[in-house]
PDB file of N, CA and C in Angstrom:
ATOM      1  N   MET A   1      -6.803   3.477   7.035  1.00  0.00           N
ATOM      2  CA  MET A   1      -5.931   2.477   7.585  1.00  0.00           C
ATOM      3  C   MET A   1      -6.716   1.158   7.647  1.00  0.00           C
ATOM      4  N   GLY A   2      -5.946   0.100   7.492  1.00  0.00           N
ATOM      5  CA  GLY A   2      -6.556  -1.243   7.497  1.00  0.00           C
ATOM      6  C   GLY A   2      -6.943  -1.757   6.147  1.00  0.00           C
ATOM      7  N   ALA A   3      -7.016  -0.850   5.143  1.00  0.00           N
ATOM      8  CA  ALA A   3      -7.409  -1.253   3.781  1.00  0.00           C
ATOM      9  C   ALA A   3      -6.317  -2.098   3.180  1.00  0.00           C
ATOM     10  N   HIS A   4      -6.715  -2.956   2.242  1.00  0.00           N
ATOM     11  CA  HIS A   4      -5.742  -3.763   1.506  1.00  0.00           C
ATOM     12  C   HIS A   4      -5.665  -3.198   0.077  1.00  0.00           C
ATOM     13  N   VAL A   5      -4.442  -3.137  -0.407  1.00  0.00           N
ATOM     14  CA  VAL A   5      -4.188  -2.588  -1.763  1.00  0.00           C
ATOM     15  C   VAL A   5      -3.224  -3.525  -2.501  1.00  0.00           C
ATOM     16  N   ARG A   6      -3.251  -3.400  -3.819  1.00  0.00           N
ATOM     17  CA  ARG A   6      -2.273  -4.107  -4.669  1.00  0.00           C
ATOM     18  C   ARG A   6      -1.318  -3.054  -5.152  1.00  0.00           C
ATOM     19  N   PHE A   7      -0.032  -3.270  -4.941  1.00  0.00           N
ATOM     20  CA  PHE A   7       1.069  -2.375  -5.323  1.00  0.00           C
ATOM     21  C   PHE A   7       2.214  -3.210  -5.760  1.00  0.00           C
ATOM     22  N   ARG A   8       2.681  -2.956  -6.993  1.00  0.00           N
ATOM     23  CA  ARG A   8       3.811  -3.742  -7.595  1.00  0.00           C
ATOM     24  C   ARG A   8       3.510  -5.242  -7.569  1.00  0.00           C
ATOM     25  N   GLY A   9       2.255  -5.607  -7.801  1.00  0.00           N
ATOM     26  CA  GLY A   9       1.858  -6.991  -7.880  1.00  0.00           C
ATOM     27  C   GLY A   9       1.760  -7.744  -6.566  1.00  0.00           C
ATOM     28  N   VAL A  10       1.825  -6.997  -5.440  1.00  0.00           N
ATOM     29  CA  VAL A  10       1.800  -7.615  -4.121  1.00  0.00           C
ATOM     30  C   VAL A  10       0.608  -7.046  -3.352  1.00  0.00           C
ATOM     31  N   ARG A  11      -0.039  -7.902  -2.583  1.00  0.00           N
ATOM     32  CA  ARG A  11      -1.126  -7.465  -1.673  1.00  0.00           C
ATOM     33  C   ARG A  11      -0.528  -6.902  -0.408  1.00  0.00           C
ATOM     34  N   TRP A  12      -0.920  -5.697  -0.055  1.00  0.00           N
ATOM     35  CA  TRP A  12      -0.422  -4.999   1.134  1.00  0.00           C
ATOM     36  C   TRP A  12      -1.591  -4.545   2.036  1.00  0.00           C
ATOM     37  N   GLN A  13      -1.316  -4.366   3.259  1.00  0.00           N
ATOM     38  CA  GLN A  13      -2.302  -3.718   4.184  1.00  0.00           C
ATOM     39  C   GLN A  13      -1.702  -2.347   4.538  1.00  0.00           C
ATOM     40  N   VAL A  14      -2.558  -1.314   4.473  1.00  0.00           N
ATOM     41  CA  VAL A  14      -2.138   0.018   4.877  1.00  0.00           C
ATOM     42  C   VAL A  14      -2.170   0.036   6.432  1.00  0.00           C
ATOM     43  N   VAL A  15      -0.989   0.269   7.006  1.00  0.00           N
ATOM     44  CA  VAL A  15      -0.899   0.200   8.462  1.00  0.00           C
ATOM     45  C   VAL A  15      -0.708   1.566   9.102  1.00  0.00           C
ATOM     46  N   ALA A  16      -0.307   2.592   8.300  1.00  0.00           N
ATOM     47  CA  ALA A  16      -0.145   3.928   8.866  1.00  0.00           C
ATOM     48  C   ALA A  16      -0.048   4.919   7.714  1.00  0.00           C
ATOM     49  N   LEU A  17      -0.413   6.131   8.050  1.00  0.00           N
ATOM     50  CA  LEU A  17      -0.282   7.283   7.113  1.00  0.00           C
ATOM     51  C   LEU A  17       0.456   8.394   7.900  1.00  0.00           C
ATOM     52  N   ALA A  18       1.397   8.989   7.195  1.00  0.00           N
ATOM     53  CA  ALA A  18       2.170  10.090   7.831  1.00  0.00           C
ATOM     54  C   ALA A  18       2.460  11.100   6.722  1.00  0.00           C
ATOM     55  N   GLY A  19       1.662  12.168   6.715  1.00  0.00           N
ATOM     56  CA  GLY A  19       1.829  13.159   5.656  1.00  0.00           C
ATOM     57  C   GLY A  19       1.469  12.495   4.321  1.00  0.00           C
ATOM     58  N   GLN A  20       2.408  12.499   3.397  1.00  0.00           N
ATOM     59  CA  GLN A  20       2.190  11.825   2.112  1.00  0.00           C
ATOM     60  C   GLN A  20       2.753  10.389   2.070  1.00  0.00           C
ATOM     61  N   ARG A  21       3.279   9.939   3.169  1.00  0.00           N
ATOM     62  CA  ARG A  21       3.840   8.580   3.238  1.00  0.00           C
ATOM     63  C   ARG A  21       2.769   7.584   3.644  1.00  0.00           C
ATOM     64  N   VAL A  22       2.788   6.462   2.932  1.00  0.00           N
ATOM     65  CA  VAL A  22       1.865   5.362   3.243  1.00  0.00           C
ATOM     66  C   VAL A  22       2.700   4.205   3.665  1.00  0.00           C
ATOM     67  N   HIS A  23       2.478   3.710   4.861  1.00  0.00           N
ATOM     68  CA  HIS A  23       3.233   2.575   5.405  1.00  0.00           C
ATOM     69  C   HIS A  23       2.430   1.310   5.134  1.00  0.00           C
ATOM     70  N   LEU A  24       3.074   0.346   4.493  1.00  0.00           N
ATOM     71  CA  LEU A  24       2.441  -0.884   4.040  1.00  0.00           C
ATOM     72  C   LEU A  24       3.086  -2.086   4.718  1.00  0.00           C
ATOM     73  N   ALA A  25       2.287  -3.121   4.947  1.00  0.00           N
ATOM     74  CA  ALA A  25       2.801  -4.404   5.460  1.00  0.00           C
ATOM     75  C   ALA A  25       2.237  -5.469   4.556  1.00  0.00           C
ATOM     76  N   ASP A  26       3.112  -6.453   4.191  1.00  0.00           N
ATOM     77  CA  ASP A  26       2.631  -7.572   3.367  1.00  0.00           C
ATOM     78  C   ASP A  26       2.286  -8.801   4.269  1.00  0.00           C
ATOM     79  N   GLU A  27       1.775  -9.821   3.643  1.00  0.00           N
ATOM     80  CA  GLU A  27       1.349 -10.996   4.336  1.00  0.00           C
ATOM     81  C   GLU A  27       2.509 -11.809   4.937  1.00  0.00           C
ATOM     82  N   ASP A  28       3.720 -11.572   4.449  1.00  0.00           N
ATOM     83  CA  ASP A  28       4.882 -12.314   4.934  1.00  0.00           C
ATOM     84  C   ASP A  28       5.631 -11.583   5.995  1.00  0.00           C
ATOM     85  N   GLY A  29       5.105 -10.467   6.427  1.00  0.00           N
ATOM     86  CA  GLY A  29       5.746  -9.674   7.523  1.00  0.00           C
ATOM     87  C   GLY A  29       6.666  -8.570   6.970  1.00  0.00           C
ATOM     88  N   GLY A  30       6.785  -8.438   5.687  1.00  0.00           N
ATOM     89  CA  GLY A  30       7.581  -7.391   5.126  1.00  0.00           C
ATOM     90  C   GLY A  30       6.909  -6.048   5.248  1.00  0.00           C
ATOM     91  N   ASP A  31       7.643  -4.979   5.192  1.00  0.00           N
ATOM     92  CA  ASP A  31       7.035  -3.643   5.199  1.00  0.00           C
ATOM     93  C   ASP A  31       7.742  -2.699   4.223  1.00  0.00           C
ATOM     94  N   GLU A  32       7.009  -1.680   3.868  1.00  0.00           N
ATOM     95  CA  GLU A  32       7.541  -0.713   2.940  1.00  0.00           C
ATOM     96  C   GLU A  32       6.816   0.616   3.193  1.00  0.00           C
ATOM     97  N   THR A  33       7.519   1.717   2.947  1.00  0.00           N
ATOM     98  CA  THR A  33       6.947   3.060   3.016  1.00  0.00           C
ATOM     99  C   THR A  33       7.073   3.640   1.640  1.00  0.00           C
ATOM    100  N   VAL A  34       5.981   4.223   1.126  1.00  0.00           N
ATOM    101  CA  VAL A  34       5.937   4.765  -0.213  1.00  0.00           C
ATOM    102  C   VAL A  34       5.155   6.053  -0.185  1.00  0.00           C
ATOM    103  N   LEU A  35       5.568   7.000  -1.050  1.00  0.00           N
ATOM    104  CA  LEU A  35       4.795   8.225  -1.215  1.00  0.00           C
ATOM    105  C   LEU A  35       3.469   7.924  -1.857  1.00  0.00           C
ATOM    106  N   ALA A  36       2.414   8.575  -1.418  1.00  0.00           N
ATOM    107  CA  ALA A  36       1.078   8.320  -1.937  1.00  0.00           C
ATOM    108  C   ALA A  36       0.999   8.471  -3.449  1.00  0.00           C
ATOM    109  N   GLY A  37       1.676   9.468  -4.017  1.00  0.00           N
ATOM    110  CA  GLY A  37       1.631   9.652  -5.456  1.00  0.00           C
ATOM    111  C   GLY A  37       2.264   8.469  -6.218  1.00  0.00           C
ATOM    112  N   ARG A  38       3.297   7.932  -5.646  1.00  0.00           N
ATOM    113  CA  ARG A  38       3.914   6.774  -6.330  1.00  0.00           C
ATOM    114  C   ARG A  38       2.998   5.520  -6.195  1.00  0.00           C
ATOM    115  N   LEU A  39       2.344   5.387  -5.059  1.00  0.00           N
ATOM    116  CA  LEU A  39       1.442   4.278  -4.841  1.00  0.00           C
ATOM    117  C   LEU A  39       0.318   4.346  -5.865  1.00  0.00           C
ATOM    118  N   PHE A  40      -0.353   5.517  -5.973  1.00  0.00           N
ATOM    119  CA  PHE A  40      -1.495   5.653  -6.867  1.00  0.00           C
ATOM    120  C   PHE A  40      -1.086   5.563  -8.335  1.00  0.00           C
ATOM    121  N   ALA A  41       0.149   5.939  -8.673  1.00  0.00           N
ATOM    122  CA  ALA A  41       0.622   5.929 -10.052  1.00  0.00           C
ATOM    123  C   ALA A  41       1.005   4.556 -10.522  1.00  0.00           C
ATOM    124  N   ASP A  42       1.164   3.589  -9.602  1.00  0.00           N
ATOM    125  CA  ASP A  42       1.540   2.236 -10.001  1.00  0.00           C
ATOM    126  C   ASP A  42       0.499   1.659 -10.929  1.00  0.00           C
ATOM    127  N   GLU A  43       0.963   1.095 -12.048  1.00  0.00           N
ATOM    128  CA  GLU A  43       0.071   0.555 -13.087  1.00  0.00           C
ATOM    129  C   GLU A  43      -0.891  -0.480 -12.564  1.00  0.00           C
ATOM    130  N   GLY A  44      -0.473  -1.257 -11.579  1.00  0.00           N
ATOM    131  CA  GLY A  44      -1.325  -2.356 -11.051  1.00  0.00           C
ATOM    132  C   GLY A  44      -2.042  -1.987  -9.741  1.00  0.00           C
ATOM    133  N   PHE A  45      -1.931  -0.662  -9.357  1.00  0.00           N
ATOM    134  CA  PHE A  45      -2.589  -0.271  -8.098  1.00  0.00           C
ATOM    135  C   PHE A  45      -4.045  -0.541  -8.090  1.00  0.00           C
ATOM    136  N   ALA A  46      -4.553  -1.090  -6.970  1.00  0.00           N
ATOM    137  CA  ALA A  46      -5.988  -1.291  -6.807  1.00  0.00           C
ATOM    138  C   ALA A  46      -6.258  -1.363  -5.298  1.00  0.00           C
ATOM    139  N   VAL A  47      -7.432  -0.878  -4.916  1.00  0.00           N
ATOM    140  CA  VAL A  47      -7.920  -1.068  -3.573  1.00  0.00           C
ATOM    141  C   VAL A  47      -8.654  -2.393  -3.607  1.00  0.00           C
ATOM    142  N   LEU A  48      -8.309  -3.308  -2.731  1.00  0.00           N
ATOM    143  CA  LEU A  48      -8.867  -4.619  -2.756  1.00  0.00           C
ATOM    144  C   LEU A  48     -10.063  -4.727  -1.749  1.00  0.00           C
ATOM    145  N   GLY A  49     -11.104  -5.417  -2.151  1.00  0.00           N
ATOM    146  CA  GLY A  49     -12.214  -5.636  -1.247  1.00  0.00           C
ATOM    147  C   GLY A  49     -13.124  -4.429  -1.099  1.00  0.00           C
ATOM    148  N   ALA A  50     -12.991  -3.435  -2.000  1.00  0.00           N
ATOM    149  CA  ALA A  50     -13.839  -2.256  -1.879  1.00  0.00           C
ATOM    150  C   ALA A  50     -15.165  -2.464  -2.576  1.00  0.00           C
TER     151      ALA A  50
END
């Protein structure tokens, strides 16, 4: 939690994990929940600042 990732060309912060669901928040206050497999399979996925 707290890590920043790139998903679908957007920078997100991981704010929660629930089973295989990853809850993301963007810099504009938007949020999204995505399955971990879909997150990792995204062509542009990257862990930022690692």
